[in-house]
Amino acid sequence: MLLFSLHLVTTYSAGLFNGIDRHLDRGFAFWFVFAGLIMIILGYPMAWALRNNDIRLPKSFGYLLAGVCLIGVLLIPIGGFWLVSVHGIYIVVQADKEHQVDTQLIN
């Protein structure tokens, strides 16, 4: 957020309603901050569910997360997408472990 503070202040000074129109720098700053907030909003209930209910996230979610992050890594190799892709891989590995335990219990 500190990185985009000047752009966010400029957007606020221009008026919030339609304050981004035709200003790419303001648009980039907005989407960077907004996407981060959405990730926090989505991550909080997932973390809560994993912590309190001892459940695993679906394997497909891990594949989707890792796939989207792979695209991000290809487009922006120096960005932080590779950090999030580790979480996607972790979700897939944990889902595999649960599937193995379930299979052993059935047999």
Protein backbone atom coordinates (compact mmCIF):
# COMPACT_ATOMS: atom_id res chain seq x y z
CA MET A 1 0.00 0.00 0.00
CA LEU A 2 2.90 2.31 0.67
CA LEU A 3 4.05 1.71 -2.89
CA PHE A 4 0.82 3.18 -4.26
CA SER A 5 0.13 5.80 -1.60
CA LEU A 6 0.74 8.74 -3.95
CA HIS A 7 -1.64 7.29 -6.55
CA LEU A 8 -4.30 6.54 -3.97
CA VAL A 9 -4.07 10.05 -2.50
CA THR A 10 -4.33 11.52 -6.02
CA THR A 11 -7.41 9.41 -6.68
CA TYR A 12 -8.97 10.56 -3.42
CA SER A 13 -8.12 14.21 -4.19
CA ALA A 14 -9.70 13.94 -7.66
CA GLY A 15 -12.91 12.69 -6.09
CA LEU A 16 -13.76 9.08 -5.52
CA PHE A 17 -16.56 8.94 -8.08
CA ASN A 18 -14.92 8.22 -11.43
CA GLY A 19 -11.54 9.31 -10.04
CA ILE A 20 -9.68 6.61 -11.93
CA ASP A 21 -11.05 7.28 -15.41
CA ARG A 22 -8.22 7.37 -18.02
CA HIS A 23 -5.46 7.26 -15.39
CA LEU A 24 -3.62 3.96 -15.73
CA ASP A 25 -1.45 4.58 -12.67
CA ARG A 26 -4.52 5.11 -10.49
CA GLY A 27 -6.20 2.06 -12.01
CA PHE A 28 -3.18 -0.14 -11.30
CA ALA A 29 -3.00 1.11 -7.73
CA PHE A 30 -6.71 0.53 -7.19
CA TRP A 31 -6.67 -3.03 -8.57
CA PHE A 32 -3.53 -3.93 -6.65
CA VAL A 33 -5.07 -2.83 -3.34
CA PHE A 34 -8.55 -4.13 -4.19
CA ALA A 35 -7.26 -7.57 -5.23
CA GLY A 36 -5.29 -7.75 -1.99
CA LEU A 37 -8.39 -6.99 0.03
CA ILE A 38 -10.36 -9.66 -1.83
CA MET A 39 -7.60 -12.19 -1.11
CA ILE A 40 -7.73 -11.32 2.58
CA ILE A 41 -11.52 -11.63 2.60
CA LEU A 42 -11.33 -15.05 0.91
CA GLY A 43 -8.37 -16.23 2.98
CA TYR A 44 -9.82 -15.42 6.38
CA PRO A 45 -12.76 -17.88 6.28
CA MET A 46 -10.54 -20.57 4.75
CA ALA A 47 -7.99 -20.18 7.53
CA TRP A 48 -10.76 -20.19 10.14
CA ALA A 49 -12.32 -23.36 8.71
CA LEU A 50 -9.00 -25.16 8.61
CA ARG A 51 -8.13 -24.09 12.14
CA ASN A 52 -11.48 -24.72 13.83
CA ASN A 53 -13.04 -27.60 11.94
CA ASP A 54 -9.98 -29.63 11.02
CA ILE A 55 -11.08 -29.87 7.41
CA ARG A 56 -9.08 -29.86 4.20
CA LEU A 57 -9.71 -27.64 1.21
CA PRO A 58 -10.70 -29.42 -2.01
CA LYS A 59 -7.88 -30.63 -4.25
CA SER A 60 -9.42 -28.75 -7.19
CA PHE A 61 -9.04 -25.47 -5.29
CA GLY A 62 -5.32 -26.17 -4.90
CA TYR A 63 -4.95 -26.88 -8.61
CA LEU A 64 -6.85 -23.69 -9.52
CA LEU A 65 -4.79 -21.59 -7.13
CA ALA A 66 -1.50 -23.04 -8.36
CA GLY A 67 -2.59 -22.68 -12.01
CA VAL A 68 -3.56 -19.03 -11.68
CA CYS A 69 -0.32 -18.35 -9.87
CA LEU A 70 1.66 -20.12 -12.59
CA ILE A 71 0.19 -17.72 -15.13
CA GLY A 72 1.12 -14.85 -12.82
CA VAL A 73 4.69 -16.16 -12.49
CA LEU A 74 5.00 -16.40 -16.27
CA LEU A 75 3.75 -12.84 -16.73
CA ILE A 76 5.54 -11.28 -13.75
CA PRO A 77 8.46 -13.54 -12.72
CA ILE A 78 9.78 -11.13 -10.11
CA GLY A 79 6.35 -10.73 -8.46
CA GLY A 80 5.01 -12.61 -5.48
CA PHE A 81 2.90 -15.15 -7.36
CA TRP A 82 5.38 -17.95 -6.69
CA LEU A 83 4.76 -17.50 -2.95
CA VAL A 84 1.04 -18.12 -3.37
CA SER A 85 1.64 -21.09 -5.71
CA VAL A 86 3.31 -22.86 -2.77
CA HIS A 87 -0.04 -22.69 -0.95
CA GLY A 88 -1.80 -24.23 -3.93
CA ILE A 89 0.67 -27.11 -3.98
CA TYR A 90 0.28 -27.53 -0.22
CA ILE A 91 -3.51 -27.79 -0.57
CA VAL A 92 -3.11 -30.51 -3.24
CA VAL A 93 -0.63 -32.46 -1.07
CA GLN A 94 -2.90 -32.24 1.99
CA ALA A 95 -5.92 -33.39 -0.03
CA ASP A 96 -3.90 -36.38 -1.25
CA LYS A 97 -2.95 -37.26 2.33
CA GLU A 98 -6.59 -37.14 3.43
CA HIS A 99 -7.62 -39.28 0.46
CA GLN A 100 -5.00 -41.88 1.40
CA VAL A 101 -6.23 -41.95 5.01
CA ASP A 102 -9.85 -42.31 3.85
CA THR A 103 -8.88 -45.18 1.55
CA GLN A 104 -7.04 -46.97 4.36
CA LEU A 105 -10.04 -46.61 6.69
CA ILE A 106 -12.39 -48.09 4.10
CA ASN A 107 -10.16 -51.11 3.45
